[in-house]
């Protein structure tokens, strides 16, 4: 059973930075893709970024490209989302998710962490 636990959210001014963490447990993640999603009030959940755990390859939504960086620490079984140049429109609950590399849909989700960017 995959378990994911996010941390690192908070309140930050526009232009500031935050780093989110996602601690993963329950199995070996070498054949997994780890993703970050977010959901703002009244909006649908949207993809932010993902990383292939073994290859380290990454992919970003256009809205965050150049500002956010996803990475992983194999020794700590942790995935990070470094968020720089934050904007008020980045305000959302951020979720960590996992899927096997052969799957289309993410089937494991964390509980989410709130990020609020003030103008």
Protein backbone atom coordinates (compact mmCIF):
# COMPACT_ATOMS: atom_id res chain seq x y z
CA UNK A 1 0.00 0.00 0.00
CA UNK A 2 1.52 3.27 -1.15
CA UNK A 3 1.37 6.08 1.38
CA UNK A 4 2.16 9.69 0.54
CA UNK A 5 2.48 12.56 2.99
CA UNK A 6 2.93 16.16 1.86
CA UNK A 7 4.40 18.96 3.91
CA UNK A 8 5.86 22.40 3.44
CA UNK A 9 2.83 24.44 2.52
CA UNK A 10 2.12 27.85 4.01
CA UNK A 11 1.54 31.53 3.41
CA UNK A 12 4.02 33.47 1.30
CA UNK A 13 4.06 36.83 -0.45
CA UNK A 14 4.04 37.09 -4.21
CA UNK A 15 7.53 36.63 -5.57
CA UNK A 16 8.52 34.37 -2.70
CA UNK A 17 9.45 30.70 -2.59
CA UNK A 18 8.30 27.51 -0.91
CA UNK A 19 9.49 23.93 -1.07
CA UNK A 20 6.94 21.16 -0.77
CA UNK A 21 7.93 17.65 0.26
CA UNK A 22 6.21 14.35 -0.36
CA UNK A 23 7.38 11.44 1.78
CA UNK A 24 6.58 8.15 0.08
CA UNK A 25 6.39 4.75 1.74
CA UNK A 26 4.91 1.30 1.27
CA UNK A 27 6.95 -0.02 -1.63
CA UNK A 28 9.91 0.54 -3.89
CA UNK A 29 9.30 3.47 -6.20
CA UNK A 30 11.89 2.79 -8.88
CA UNK A 31 9.14 1.89 -11.36
CA UNK A 32 6.88 4.79 -10.46
CA UNK A 33 6.09 8.25 -11.71
CA UNK A 34 5.51 10.82 -8.99
CA UNK A 35 3.36 13.82 -9.70
CA UNK A 36 2.28 17.08 -8.14
CA UNK A 37 -1.23 18.40 -8.71
CA UNK A 38 -3.09 21.38 -7.32
CA UNK A 39 -6.67 22.43 -6.79
CA UNK A 40 -7.75 26.02 -6.27
CA UNK A 41 -11.13 26.90 -4.73
CA UNK A 42 -13.93 26.40 -7.23
CA UNK A 43 -11.61 24.90 -9.83
CA UNK A 44 -10.77 21.42 -11.00
CA UNK A 45 -7.60 19.72 -9.91
CA UNK A 46 -4.80 20.36 -12.39
CA UNK A 47 -1.46 18.78 -13.17
CA UNK A 48 1.64 20.68 -12.08
CA UNK A 49 4.66 18.44 -12.68
CA UNK A 50 5.88 14.87 -12.64
CA UNK A 51 9.14 12.98 -12.35
CA UNK A 52 10.05 9.47 -13.40
CA UNK A 53 11.60 8.08 -10.27
CA UNK A 54 14.28 5.93 -11.88
CA UNK A 55 15.11 8.01 -14.96
CA UNK A 56 14.76 11.38 -13.27
CA UNK A 57 13.03 12.80 -16.32
CA UNK A 58 10.59 15.60 -15.60
CA UNK A 59 7.62 17.33 -17.18
CA UNK A 60 5.88 20.56 -16.23
CA UNK A 61 2.64 22.36 -16.87
CA UNK A 62 3.20 25.43 -18.96
CA UNK A 63 1.91 27.65 -16.17
CA UNK A 64 4.77 26.69 -13.85
CA UNK A 65 7.60 25.95 -16.26
CA UNK A 66 10.69 27.93 -15.36
CA UNK A 67 9.42 28.71 -11.85
CA UNK A 68 8.87 25.27 -10.29
CA UNK A 69 11.32 22.37 -10.07
CA UNK A 70 10.45 18.79 -9.19
CA UNK A 71 13.13 16.50 -7.82
CA UNK A 72 13.53 13.34 -5.76
CA UNK A 73 15.86 12.03 -3.08
CA UNK A 74 16.22 8.27 -3.43
CA UNK A 75 17.76 7.80 0.00
CA UNK A 76 14.86 9.58 1.70
CA UNK A 77 12.11 8.29 -0.61
CA UNK A 78 10.98 11.88 -0.91
CA UNK A 79 9.85 14.00 -3.83
CA UNK A 80 10.16 17.77 -3.72
CA UNK A 81 8.53 20.67 -5.47
CA UNK A 82 10.59 23.83 -5.31
CA UNK A 83 8.36 26.78 -6.11
CA UNK A 84 9.94 30.14 -6.93
CA UNK A 85 8.51 33.45 -8.12
CA UNK A 86 5.17 32.51 -6.67
CA UNK A 87 2.06 34.30 -7.88
CA UNK A 88 -1.36 34.71 -6.25
CA UNK A 89 -2.78 32.38 -8.90
CA UNK A 90 -0.56 29.60 -7.51
CA UNK A 91 -2.75 29.56 -4.41
CA UNK A 92 -4.20 26.06 -4.07
CA UNK A 93 -4.09 22.81 -2.18
CA UNK A 94 -1.14 20.86 -3.57
CA UNK A 95 -1.30 17.09 -3.79
CA UNK A 96 1.37 14.48 -4.30
CA UNK A 97 0.38 11.44 -6.36
CA UNK A 98 1.94 8.22 -7.61
CA UNK A 99 1.37 5.80 -10.46
CA UNK A 100 3.35 2.97 -11.96
CA UNK A 101 5.19 3.88 -15.14
CA UNK A 102 2.85 1.73 -17.22
CA UNK A 103 -0.33 3.24 -15.82
CA UNK A 104 -2.31 6.15 -17.21
CA UNK A 105 -3.96 7.31 -14.03
CA UNK A 106 -2.53 8.14 -10.65
CA UNK A 107 -3.95 5.78 -8.05
CA UNK A 108 -2.25 6.92 -4.87
CA UNK A 109 -2.73 10.39 -3.40
CA UNK A 110 -1.59 12.33 -0.39
CA UNK A 111 -3.84 14.41 1.81
CA UNK A 112 -2.69 17.73 0.36
CA UNK A 113 -0.98 20.81 1.70
CA UNK A 114 -2.26 24.38 1.43
CA UNK A 115 -0.22 27.01 -0.38
CA UNK A 116 -1.43 30.60 -0.16
CA UNK A 117 0.28 33.40 -2.05
CA UNK A 118 -0.67 36.92 -1.03
CA UNK A 119 -0.43 39.88 -3.39
